[in-house]
Amino acid sequence: MQIMDAAALVAASLTRQEQQEIKRRQLAEAAEKRQMEASSRGIKNAYSVEQKKKKQEEIEKRMAASGSGGEGGLRM
């Protein structure tokens, strides 16, 4: 019962704005956790997948900057 009393006392001492900020933070953390779980669902090595994705984006970015457009540069 003391835990409930302590929690009620802490909640009462916080302003409404502080309570809303705490709730927002908790919701954001929960959403981030769900996102991480969903992104790694079915993937054994999520880090490896993320690295490959970043590498592919970097390659695409370089190709766009060079202006080659993926034509390969071979002449016929």
PDB file of N, CA and C in Angstrom:
ATOM      1  N   MET A   1       0.817  -1.187   0.000  1.00  0.00           N
ATOM      2  CA  MET A   1       0.000   0.000   0.000  1.00  0.00           C
ATOM      3  C   MET A   1       0.862   1.252   0.000  1.00  0.00           C
ATOM      4  N   GLN A   2       2.047   1.155   0.579  1.00  0.00           N
ATOM      5  CA  GLN A   2       2.933   2.311   0.622  1.00  0.00           C
ATOM      6  C   GLN A   2       3.382   2.722  -0.769  1.00  0.00           C
ATOM      7  N   ILE A   3       3.537   1.739  -1.653  1.00  0.00           N
ATOM      8  CA  ILE A   3       3.952   2.056  -3.016  1.00  0.00           C
ATOM      9  C   ILE A   3       2.879   2.898  -3.701  1.00  0.00           C
ATOM     10  N   MET A   4       1.644   2.534  -3.545  1.00  0.00           N
ATOM     11  CA  MET A   4       0.554   3.293  -4.145  1.00  0.00           C
ATOM     12  C   MET A   4       0.498   4.700  -3.558  1.00  0.00           C
ATOM     13  N   ASP A   5       0.684   4.811  -2.261  1.00  0.00           N
ATOM     14  CA  ASP A   5       0.666   6.117  -1.626  1.00  0.00           C
ATOM     15  C   ASP A   5       1.811   6.983  -2.129  1.00  0.00           C
ATOM     16  N   ALA A   6       2.983   6.393  -2.284  1.00  0.00           N
ATOM     17  CA  ALA A   6       4.140   7.136  -2.778  1.00  0.00           C
ATOM     18  C   ALA A   6       3.917   7.575  -4.217  1.00  0.00           C
ATOM     19  N   ALA A   7       3.365   6.687  -5.033  1.00  0.00           N
ATOM     20  CA  ALA A   7       3.088   7.023  -6.430  1.00  0.00           C
ATOM     21  C   ALA A   7       2.051   8.133  -6.511  1.00  0.00           C
ATOM     22  N   ALA A   8       1.041   8.068  -5.685  1.00  0.00           N
ATOM     23  CA  ALA A   8       0.012   9.106  -5.678  1.00  0.00           C
ATOM     24  C   ALA A   8       0.591  10.435  -5.217  1.00  0.00           C
ATOM     25  N   LEU A   9       1.486  10.382  -4.245  1.00  0.00           N
ATOM     26  CA  LEU A   9       2.115  11.592  -3.737  1.00  0.00           C
ATOM     27  C   LEU A   9       2.991  12.242  -4.812  1.00  0.00           C
ATOM     28  N   VAL A  10       3.756  11.426  -5.532  1.00  0.00           N
ATOM     29  CA  VAL A  10       4.613  11.941  -6.605  1.00  0.00           C
ATOM     30  C   VAL A  10       3.756  12.528  -7.717  1.00  0.00           C
ATOM     31  N   ALA A  11       2.706  11.820  -8.095  1.00  0.00           N
ATOM     32  CA  ALA A  11       1.821  12.294  -9.157  1.00  0.00           C
ATOM     33  C   ALA A  11       1.148  13.598  -8.765  1.00  0.00           C
ATOM     34  N   ALA A  12       0.795  13.722  -7.525  1.00  0.00           N
ATOM     35  CA  ALA A  12       0.135  14.938  -7.067  1.00  0.00           C
ATOM     36  C   ALA A  12       1.097  16.117  -7.048  1.00  0.00           C
ATOM     37  N   SER A  13       2.369  15.844  -6.818  1.00  0.00           N
ATOM     38  CA  SER A  13       3.331  16.929  -6.735  1.00  0.00           C
ATOM     39  C   SER A  13       3.764  17.434  -8.118  1.00  0.00           C
ATOM     40  N   LEU A  14       3.556  16.633  -9.147  1.00  0.00           N
ATOM     41  CA  LEU A  14       3.921  17.054 -10.498  1.00  0.00           C
ATOM     42  C   LEU A  14       2.831  17.951 -11.079  1.00  0.00           C
ATOM     43  N   THR A  15       3.249  18.915 -11.857  1.00  0.00           N
ATOM     44  CA  THR A  15       2.265  19.762 -12.520  1.00  0.00           C
ATOM     45  C   THR A  15       1.653  18.985 -13.682  1.00  0.00           C
ATOM     46  N   ARG A  16       0.576  19.483 -14.178  1.00  0.00           N
ATOM     47  CA  ARG A  16      -0.101  18.830 -15.307  1.00  0.00           C
ATOM     48  C   ARG A  16       0.832  18.774 -16.518  1.00  0.00           C
ATOM     49  N   GLN A  17       1.591  19.838 -16.758  1.00  0.00           N
ATOM     50  CA  GLN A  17       2.512  19.883 -17.892  1.00  0.00           C
ATOM     51  C   GLN A  17       3.613  18.831 -17.733  1.00  0.00           C
ATOM     52  N   GLU A  18       4.138  18.671 -16.533  1.00  0.00           N
ATOM     53  CA  GLU A  18       5.170  17.665 -16.287  1.00  0.00           C
ATOM     54  C   GLU A  18       4.624  16.261 -16.500  1.00  0.00           C
ATOM     55  N   GLN A  19       3.382  16.045 -16.051  1.00  0.00           N
ATOM     56  CA  GLN A  19       2.753  14.742 -16.241  1.00  0.00           C
ATOM     57  C   GLN A  19       2.568  14.439 -17.724  1.00  0.00           C
ATOM     58  N   GLN A  20       2.163  15.446 -18.499  1.00  0.00           N
ATOM     59  CA  GLN A  20       1.982  15.262 -19.937  1.00  0.00           C
ATOM     60  C   GLN A  20       3.315  14.962 -20.618  1.00  0.00           C
ATOM     61  N   GLU A  21       4.372  15.645 -20.181  1.00  0.00           N
ATOM     62  CA  GLU A  21       5.693  15.415 -20.762  1.00  0.00           C
ATOM     63  C   GLU A  21       6.175  13.998 -20.473  1.00  0.00           C
ATOM     64  N   ILE A  22       5.957  13.532 -19.251  1.00  0.00           N
ATOM     65  CA  ILE A  22       6.342  12.167 -18.889  1.00  0.00           C
ATOM     66  C   ILE A  22       5.564  11.168 -19.746  1.00  0.00           C
ATOM     67  N   LYS A  23       4.281  11.397 -19.908  1.00  0.00           N
ATOM     68  CA  LYS A  23       3.434  10.502 -20.710  1.00  0.00           C
ATOM     69  C   LYS A  23       3.889  10.495 -22.161  1.00  0.00           C
ATOM     70  N   ARG A  24       4.207  11.679 -22.726  1.00  0.00           N
ATOM     71  CA  ARG A  24       4.702  11.755 -24.104  1.00  0.00           C
ATOM     72  C   ARG A  24       5.990  10.967 -24.263  1.00  0.00           C
ATOM     73  N   ARG A  25       6.895  11.129 -23.304  1.00  0.00           N
ATOM     74  CA  ARG A  25       8.178  10.428 -23.355  1.00  0.00           C
ATOM     75  C   ARG A  25       7.971   8.910 -23.310  1.00  0.00           C
ATOM     76  N   GLN A  26       7.074   8.468 -22.431  1.00  0.00           N
ATOM     77  CA  GLN A  26       6.789   7.032 -22.330  1.00  0.00           C
ATOM     78  C   GLN A  26       6.182   6.498 -23.623  1.00  0.00           C
ATOM     79  N   LEU A  27       5.265   7.262 -24.219  1.00  0.00           N
ATOM     80  CA  LEU A  27       4.650   6.846 -25.472  1.00  0.00           C
ATOM     81  C   LEU A  27       5.668   6.806 -26.607  1.00  0.00           C
ATOM     82  N   ALA A  28       6.571   7.777 -26.645  1.00  0.00           N
ATOM     83  CA  ALA A  28       7.603   7.807 -27.678  1.00  0.00           C
ATOM     84  C   ALA A  28       8.550   6.612 -27.534  1.00  0.00           C
ATOM     85  N   GLU A  29       8.929   6.299 -26.301  1.00  0.00           N
ATOM     86  CA  GLU A  29       9.805   5.149 -26.066  1.00  0.00           C
ATOM     87  C   GLU A  29       9.115   3.851 -26.469  1.00  0.00           C
ATOM     88  N   ALA A  30       7.842   3.731 -26.161  1.00  0.00           N
ATOM     89  CA  ALA A  30       7.090   2.535 -26.525  1.00  0.00           C
ATOM     90  C   ALA A  30       6.971   2.406 -28.042  1.00  0.00           C
ATOM     91  N   ALA A  31       6.720   3.522 -28.719  1.00  0.00           N
ATOM     92  CA  ALA A  31       6.610   3.504 -30.176  1.00  0.00           C
ATOM     93  C   ALA A  31       7.942   3.122 -30.810  1.00  0.00           C
ATOM     94  N   GLU A  32       9.021   3.660 -30.280  1.00  0.00           N
ATOM     95  CA  GLU A  32      10.348   3.338 -30.802  1.00  0.00           C
ATOM     96  C   GLU A  32      10.656   1.847 -30.598  1.00  0.00           C
ATOM     97  N   LYS A  33      10.289   1.332 -29.455  1.00  0.00           N
ATOM     98  CA  LYS A  33      10.517  -0.088 -29.170  1.00  0.00           C
ATOM     99  C   LYS A  33       9.721  -0.959 -30.143  1.00  0.00           C
ATOM    100  N   ARG A  34       8.445  -0.594 -30.379  1.00  0.00           N
ATOM    101  CA  ARG A  34       7.620  -1.351 -31.324  1.00  0.00           C
ATOM    102  C   ARG A  34       8.205  -1.295 -32.724  1.00  0.00           C
ATOM    103  N   GLN A  35       8.721  -0.127 -33.106  1.00  0.00           N
ATOM    104  CA  GLN A  35       9.313   0.037 -34.427  1.00  0.00           C
ATOM    105  C   GLN A  35      10.547  -0.845 -34.582  1.00  0.00           C
ATOM    106  N   MET A  36      11.393  -0.879 -33.566  1.00  0.00           N
ATOM    107  CA  MET A  36      12.594  -1.707 -33.607  1.00  0.00           C
ATOM    108  C   MET A  36      12.221  -3.191 -33.687  1.00  0.00           C
ATOM    109  N   GLU A  37      11.228  -3.601 -32.924  1.00  0.00           N
ATOM    110  CA  GLU A  37      10.795  -4.992 -32.951  1.00  0.00           C
ATOM    111  C   GLU A  37      10.216  -5.355 -34.311  1.00  0.00           C
ATOM    112  N   ALA A  38       9.431  -4.460 -34.886  1.00  0.00           N
ATOM    113  CA  ALA A  38       8.820  -4.726 -36.184  1.00  0.00           C
ATOM    114  C   ALA A  38       9.859  -4.765 -37.294  1.00  0.00           C
ATOM    115  N   SER A  39      10.860  -3.897 -37.210  1.00  0.00           N
ATOM    116  CA  SER A  39      11.870  -3.863 -38.266  1.00  0.00           C
ATOM    117  C   SER A  39      12.782  -5.074 -38.226  1.00  0.00           C
ATOM    118  N   SER A  40      12.936  -5.682 -37.055  1.00  0.00           N
ATOM    119  CA  SER A  40      13.829  -6.836 -36.954  1.00  0.00           C
ATOM    120  C   SER A  40      13.075  -8.160 -36.974  1.00  0.00           C
ATOM    121  N   ARG A  41      11.770  -8.120 -37.110  1.00  0.00           N
ATOM    122  CA  ARG A  41      10.972  -9.343 -37.125  1.00  0.00           C
ATOM    123  C   ARG A  41      11.358 -10.188 -38.344  1.00  0.00           C
ATOM    124  N   GLY A  42      11.761 -11.401 -38.106  1.00  0.00           N
ATOM    125  CA  GLY A  42      12.127 -12.307 -39.185  1.00  0.00           C
ATOM    126  C   GLY A  42      13.551 -12.129 -39.675  1.00  0.00           C
ATOM    127  N   ILE A  43      14.277 -11.177 -39.129  1.00  0.00           N
ATOM    128  CA  ILE A  43      15.658 -10.926 -39.537  1.00  0.00           C
ATOM    129  C   ILE A  43      16.563 -11.381 -38.410  1.00  0.00           C
ATOM    130  N   LYS A  44      17.507 -12.273 -38.729  1.00  0.00           N
ATOM    131  CA  LYS A  44      18.391 -12.786 -37.694  1.00  0.00           C
ATOM    132  C   LYS A  44      19.465 -11.779 -37.312  1.00  0.00           C
ATOM    133  N   ASN A  45      19.973 -11.032 -38.285  1.00  0.00           N
ATOM    134  CA  ASN A  45      21.027 -10.064 -38.002  1.00  0.00           C
ATOM    135  C   ASN A  45      20.578  -8.697 -38.507  1.00  0.00           C
ATOM    136  N   ALA A  46      19.851  -7.986 -37.682  1.00  0.00           N
ATOM    137  CA  ALA A  46      19.291  -6.685 -38.071  1.00  0.00           C
ATOM    138  C   ALA A  46      20.396  -5.676 -38.360  1.00  0.00           C
ATOM    139  N   TYR A  47      21.505  -5.739 -37.637  1.00  0.00           N
ATOM    140  CA  TYR A  47      22.612  -4.813 -37.856  1.00  0.00           C
ATOM    141  C   TYR A  47      23.168  -4.967 -39.265  1.00  0.00           C
ATOM    142  N   SER A  48      23.352  -6.201 -39.704  1.00  0.00           N
ATOM    143  CA  SER A  48      23.880  -6.462 -41.042  1.00  0.00           C
ATOM    144  C   SER A  48      22.948  -5.913 -42.113  1.00  0.00           C
ATOM    145  N   VAL A  49      21.672  -6.115 -41.940  1.00  0.00           N
ATOM    146  CA  VAL A  49      20.687  -5.619 -42.899  1.00  0.00           C
ATOM    147  C   VAL A  49      20.742  -4.094 -42.967  1.00  0.00           C
ATOM    148  N   GLU A  50      20.845  -3.453 -41.809  1.00  0.00           N
ATOM    149  CA  GLU A  50      20.913  -1.990 -41.759  1.00  0.00           C
ATOM    150  C   GLU A  50      22.170  -1.485 -42.463  1.00  0.00           C
ATOM    151  N   GLN A  51      23.297  -2.172 -42.262  1.00  0.00           N
ATOM    152  CA  GLN A  51      24.549  -1.771 -42.910  1.00  0.00           C
ATOM    153  C   GLN A  51      24.456  -1.916 -44.429  1.00  0.00           C
ATOM    154  N   LYS A  52      23.865  -2.997 -44.898  1.00  0.00           N
ATOM    155  CA  LYS A  52      23.695  -3.199 -46.346  1.00  0.00           C
ATOM    156  C   LYS A  52      22.794  -2.119 -46.941  1.00  0.00           C
ATOM    157  N   LYS A  53      21.760  -1.759 -46.207  1.00  0.00           N
ATOM    158  CA  LYS A  53      20.836  -0.723 -46.672  1.00  0.00           C
ATOM    159  C   LYS A  53      21.554   0.616 -46.794  1.00  0.00           C
ATOM    160  N   LYS A  54      22.366   0.962 -45.786  1.00  0.00           N
ATOM    161  CA  LYS A  54      23.116   2.217 -45.827  1.00  0.00           C
ATOM    162  C   LYS A  54      24.118   2.219 -46.969  1.00  0.00           C
ATOM    163  N   LYS A  55      24.778   1.083 -47.179  1.00  0.00           N
ATOM    164  CA  LYS A  55      25.766   0.978 -48.259  1.00  0.00           C
ATOM    165  C   LYS A  55      25.086   1.160 -49.613  1.00  0.00           C
ATOM    166  N   GLN A  56      23.924   0.538 -49.800  1.00  0.00           N
ATOM    167  CA  GLN A  56      23.184   0.670 -51.057  1.00  0.00           C
ATOM    168  C   GLN A  56      22.753   2.116 -51.286  1.00  0.00           C
ATOM    169  N   GLU A  57      22.291   2.787 -50.242  1.00  0.00           N
ATOM    170  CA  GLU A  57      21.900   4.193 -50.369  1.00  0.00           C
ATOM    171  C   GLU A  57      23.098   5.059 -50.729  1.00  0.00           C
ATOM    172  N   GLU A  58      24.253   4.760 -50.156  1.00  0.00           N
ATOM    173  CA  GLU A  58      25.467   5.516 -50.460  1.00  0.00           C
ATOM    174  C   GLU A  58      25.874   5.320 -51.918  1.00  0.00           C
ATOM    175  N   ILE A  59      25.781   4.098 -52.407  1.00  0.00           N
ATOM    176  CA  ILE A  59      26.111   3.813 -53.808  1.00  0.00           C
ATOM    177  C   ILE A  59      25.169   4.574 -54.738  1.00  0.00           C
ATOM    178  N   GLU A  60      23.880   4.545 -54.423  1.00  0.00           N
ATOM    179  CA  GLU A  60      22.896   5.262 -55.238  1.00  0.00           C
ATOM    180  C   GLU A  60      23.159   6.767 -55.218  1.00  0.00           C
ATOM    181  N   LYS A  61      23.545   7.273 -54.059  1.00  0.00           N
ATOM    182  CA  LYS A  61      23.837   8.698 -53.932  1.00  0.00           C
ATOM    183  C   LYS A  61      25.040   9.079 -54.789  1.00  0.00           C
ATOM    184  N   ARG A  62      26.084   8.248 -54.768  1.00  0.00           N
ATOM    185  CA  ARG A  62      27.276   8.512 -55.592  1.00  0.00           C
ATOM    186  C   ARG A  62      26.946   8.463 -57.070  1.00  0.00           C
ATOM    187  N   MET A  63      26.119   7.498 -57.463  1.00  0.00           N
ATOM    188  CA  MET A  63      25.754   7.377 -58.878  1.00  0.00           C
ATOM    189  C   MET A  63      24.964   8.606 -59.324  1.00  0.00           C
ATOM    190  N   ALA A  64      24.083   9.089 -58.472  1.00  0.00           N
ATOM    191  CA  ALA A  64      23.301  10.277 -58.815  1.00  0.00           C
ATOM    192  C   ALA A  64      24.201  11.503 -58.911  1.00  0.00           C
ATOM    193  N   ALA A  65      25.211  11.575 -58.039  1.00  0.00           N
ATOM    194  CA  ALA A  65      26.123  12.718 -58.057  1.00  0.00           C
ATOM    195  C   ALA A  65      27.040  12.691 -59.265  1.00  0.00           C
ATOM    196  N   SER A  66      27.417  11.511 -59.706  1.00  0.00           N
ATOM    197  CA  SER A  66      28.319  11.418 -60.851  1.00  0.00           C
ATOM    198  C   SER A  66      27.606  11.663 -62.166  1.00  0.00           C
ATOM    199  N   GLY A  67      26.294  11.518 -62.164  1.00  0.00           N
ATOM    200  CA  GLY A  67      25.518  11.787 -63.373  1.00  0.00           C
ATOM    201  C   GLY A  67      25.495  10.658 -64.364  1.00  0.00           C
ATOM    202  N   SER A  68      26.044   9.507 -63.989  1.00  0.00           N
ATOM    203  CA  SER A  68      26.081   8.381 -64.929  1.00  0.00           C
ATOM    204  C   SER A  68      24.690   7.803 -65.135  1.00  0.00           C
ATOM    205  N   GLY A  69      23.874   7.865 -64.128  1.00  0.00           N
ATOM    206  CA  GLY A  69      22.506   7.369 -64.268  1.00  0.00           C
ATOM    207  C   GLY A  69      22.433   5.871 -64.419  1.00  0.00           C
ATOM    208  N   GLY A  70      23.501   5.158 -64.133  1.00  0.00           N
ATOM    209  CA  GLY A  70      23.483   3.704 -64.203  1.00  0.00           C
ATOM    210  C   GLY A  70      23.611   3.159 -65.599  1.00  0.00           C
ATOM    211  N   GLU A  71      24.133   3.932 -66.549  1.00  0.00           N
ATOM    212  CA  GLU A  71      24.258   3.473 -67.923  1.00  0.00           C
ATOM    213  C   GLU A  71      25.418   2.510 -68.100  1.00  0.00           C
ATOM    214  N   GLY A  72      26.346   2.481 -67.165  1.00  0.00           N
ATOM    215  CA  GLY A  72      27.420   1.508 -67.237  1.00  0.00           C
ATOM    216  C   GLY A  72      28.652   2.006 -67.968  1.00  0.00           C
ATOM    217  N   GLY A  73      28.526   2.947 -68.843  1.00  0.00           N
ATOM    218  CA  GLY A  73      29.673   3.524 -69.526  1.00  0.00           C
ATOM    219  C   GLY A  73      30.219   2.697 -70.685  1.00  0.00           C
ATOM    220  N   LEU A  74      29.567   1.641 -71.116  1.00  0.00           N
ATOM    221  CA  LEU A  74      30.032   0.827 -72.246  1.00  0.00           C
ATOM    222  C   LEU A  74      29.479   1.416 -73.538  1.00  0.00           C
ATOM    223  N   ARG A  75      30.329   1.420 -74.559  1.00  0.00           N
ATOM    224  CA  ARG A  75      29.891   1.914 -75.872  1.00  0.00           C
ATOM    225  C   ARG A  75      29.657   0.748 -76.805  1.00  0.00           C
ATOM    226  N   MET A  76      28.744   0.923 -77.695  1.00  0.00           N
ATOM    227  CA  MET A  76      28.467  -0.159 -78.651  1.00  0.00           C
ATOM    228  C   MET A  76      28.700   0.322 -80.039  1.00  0.00           C
TER     229      MET A  76
END
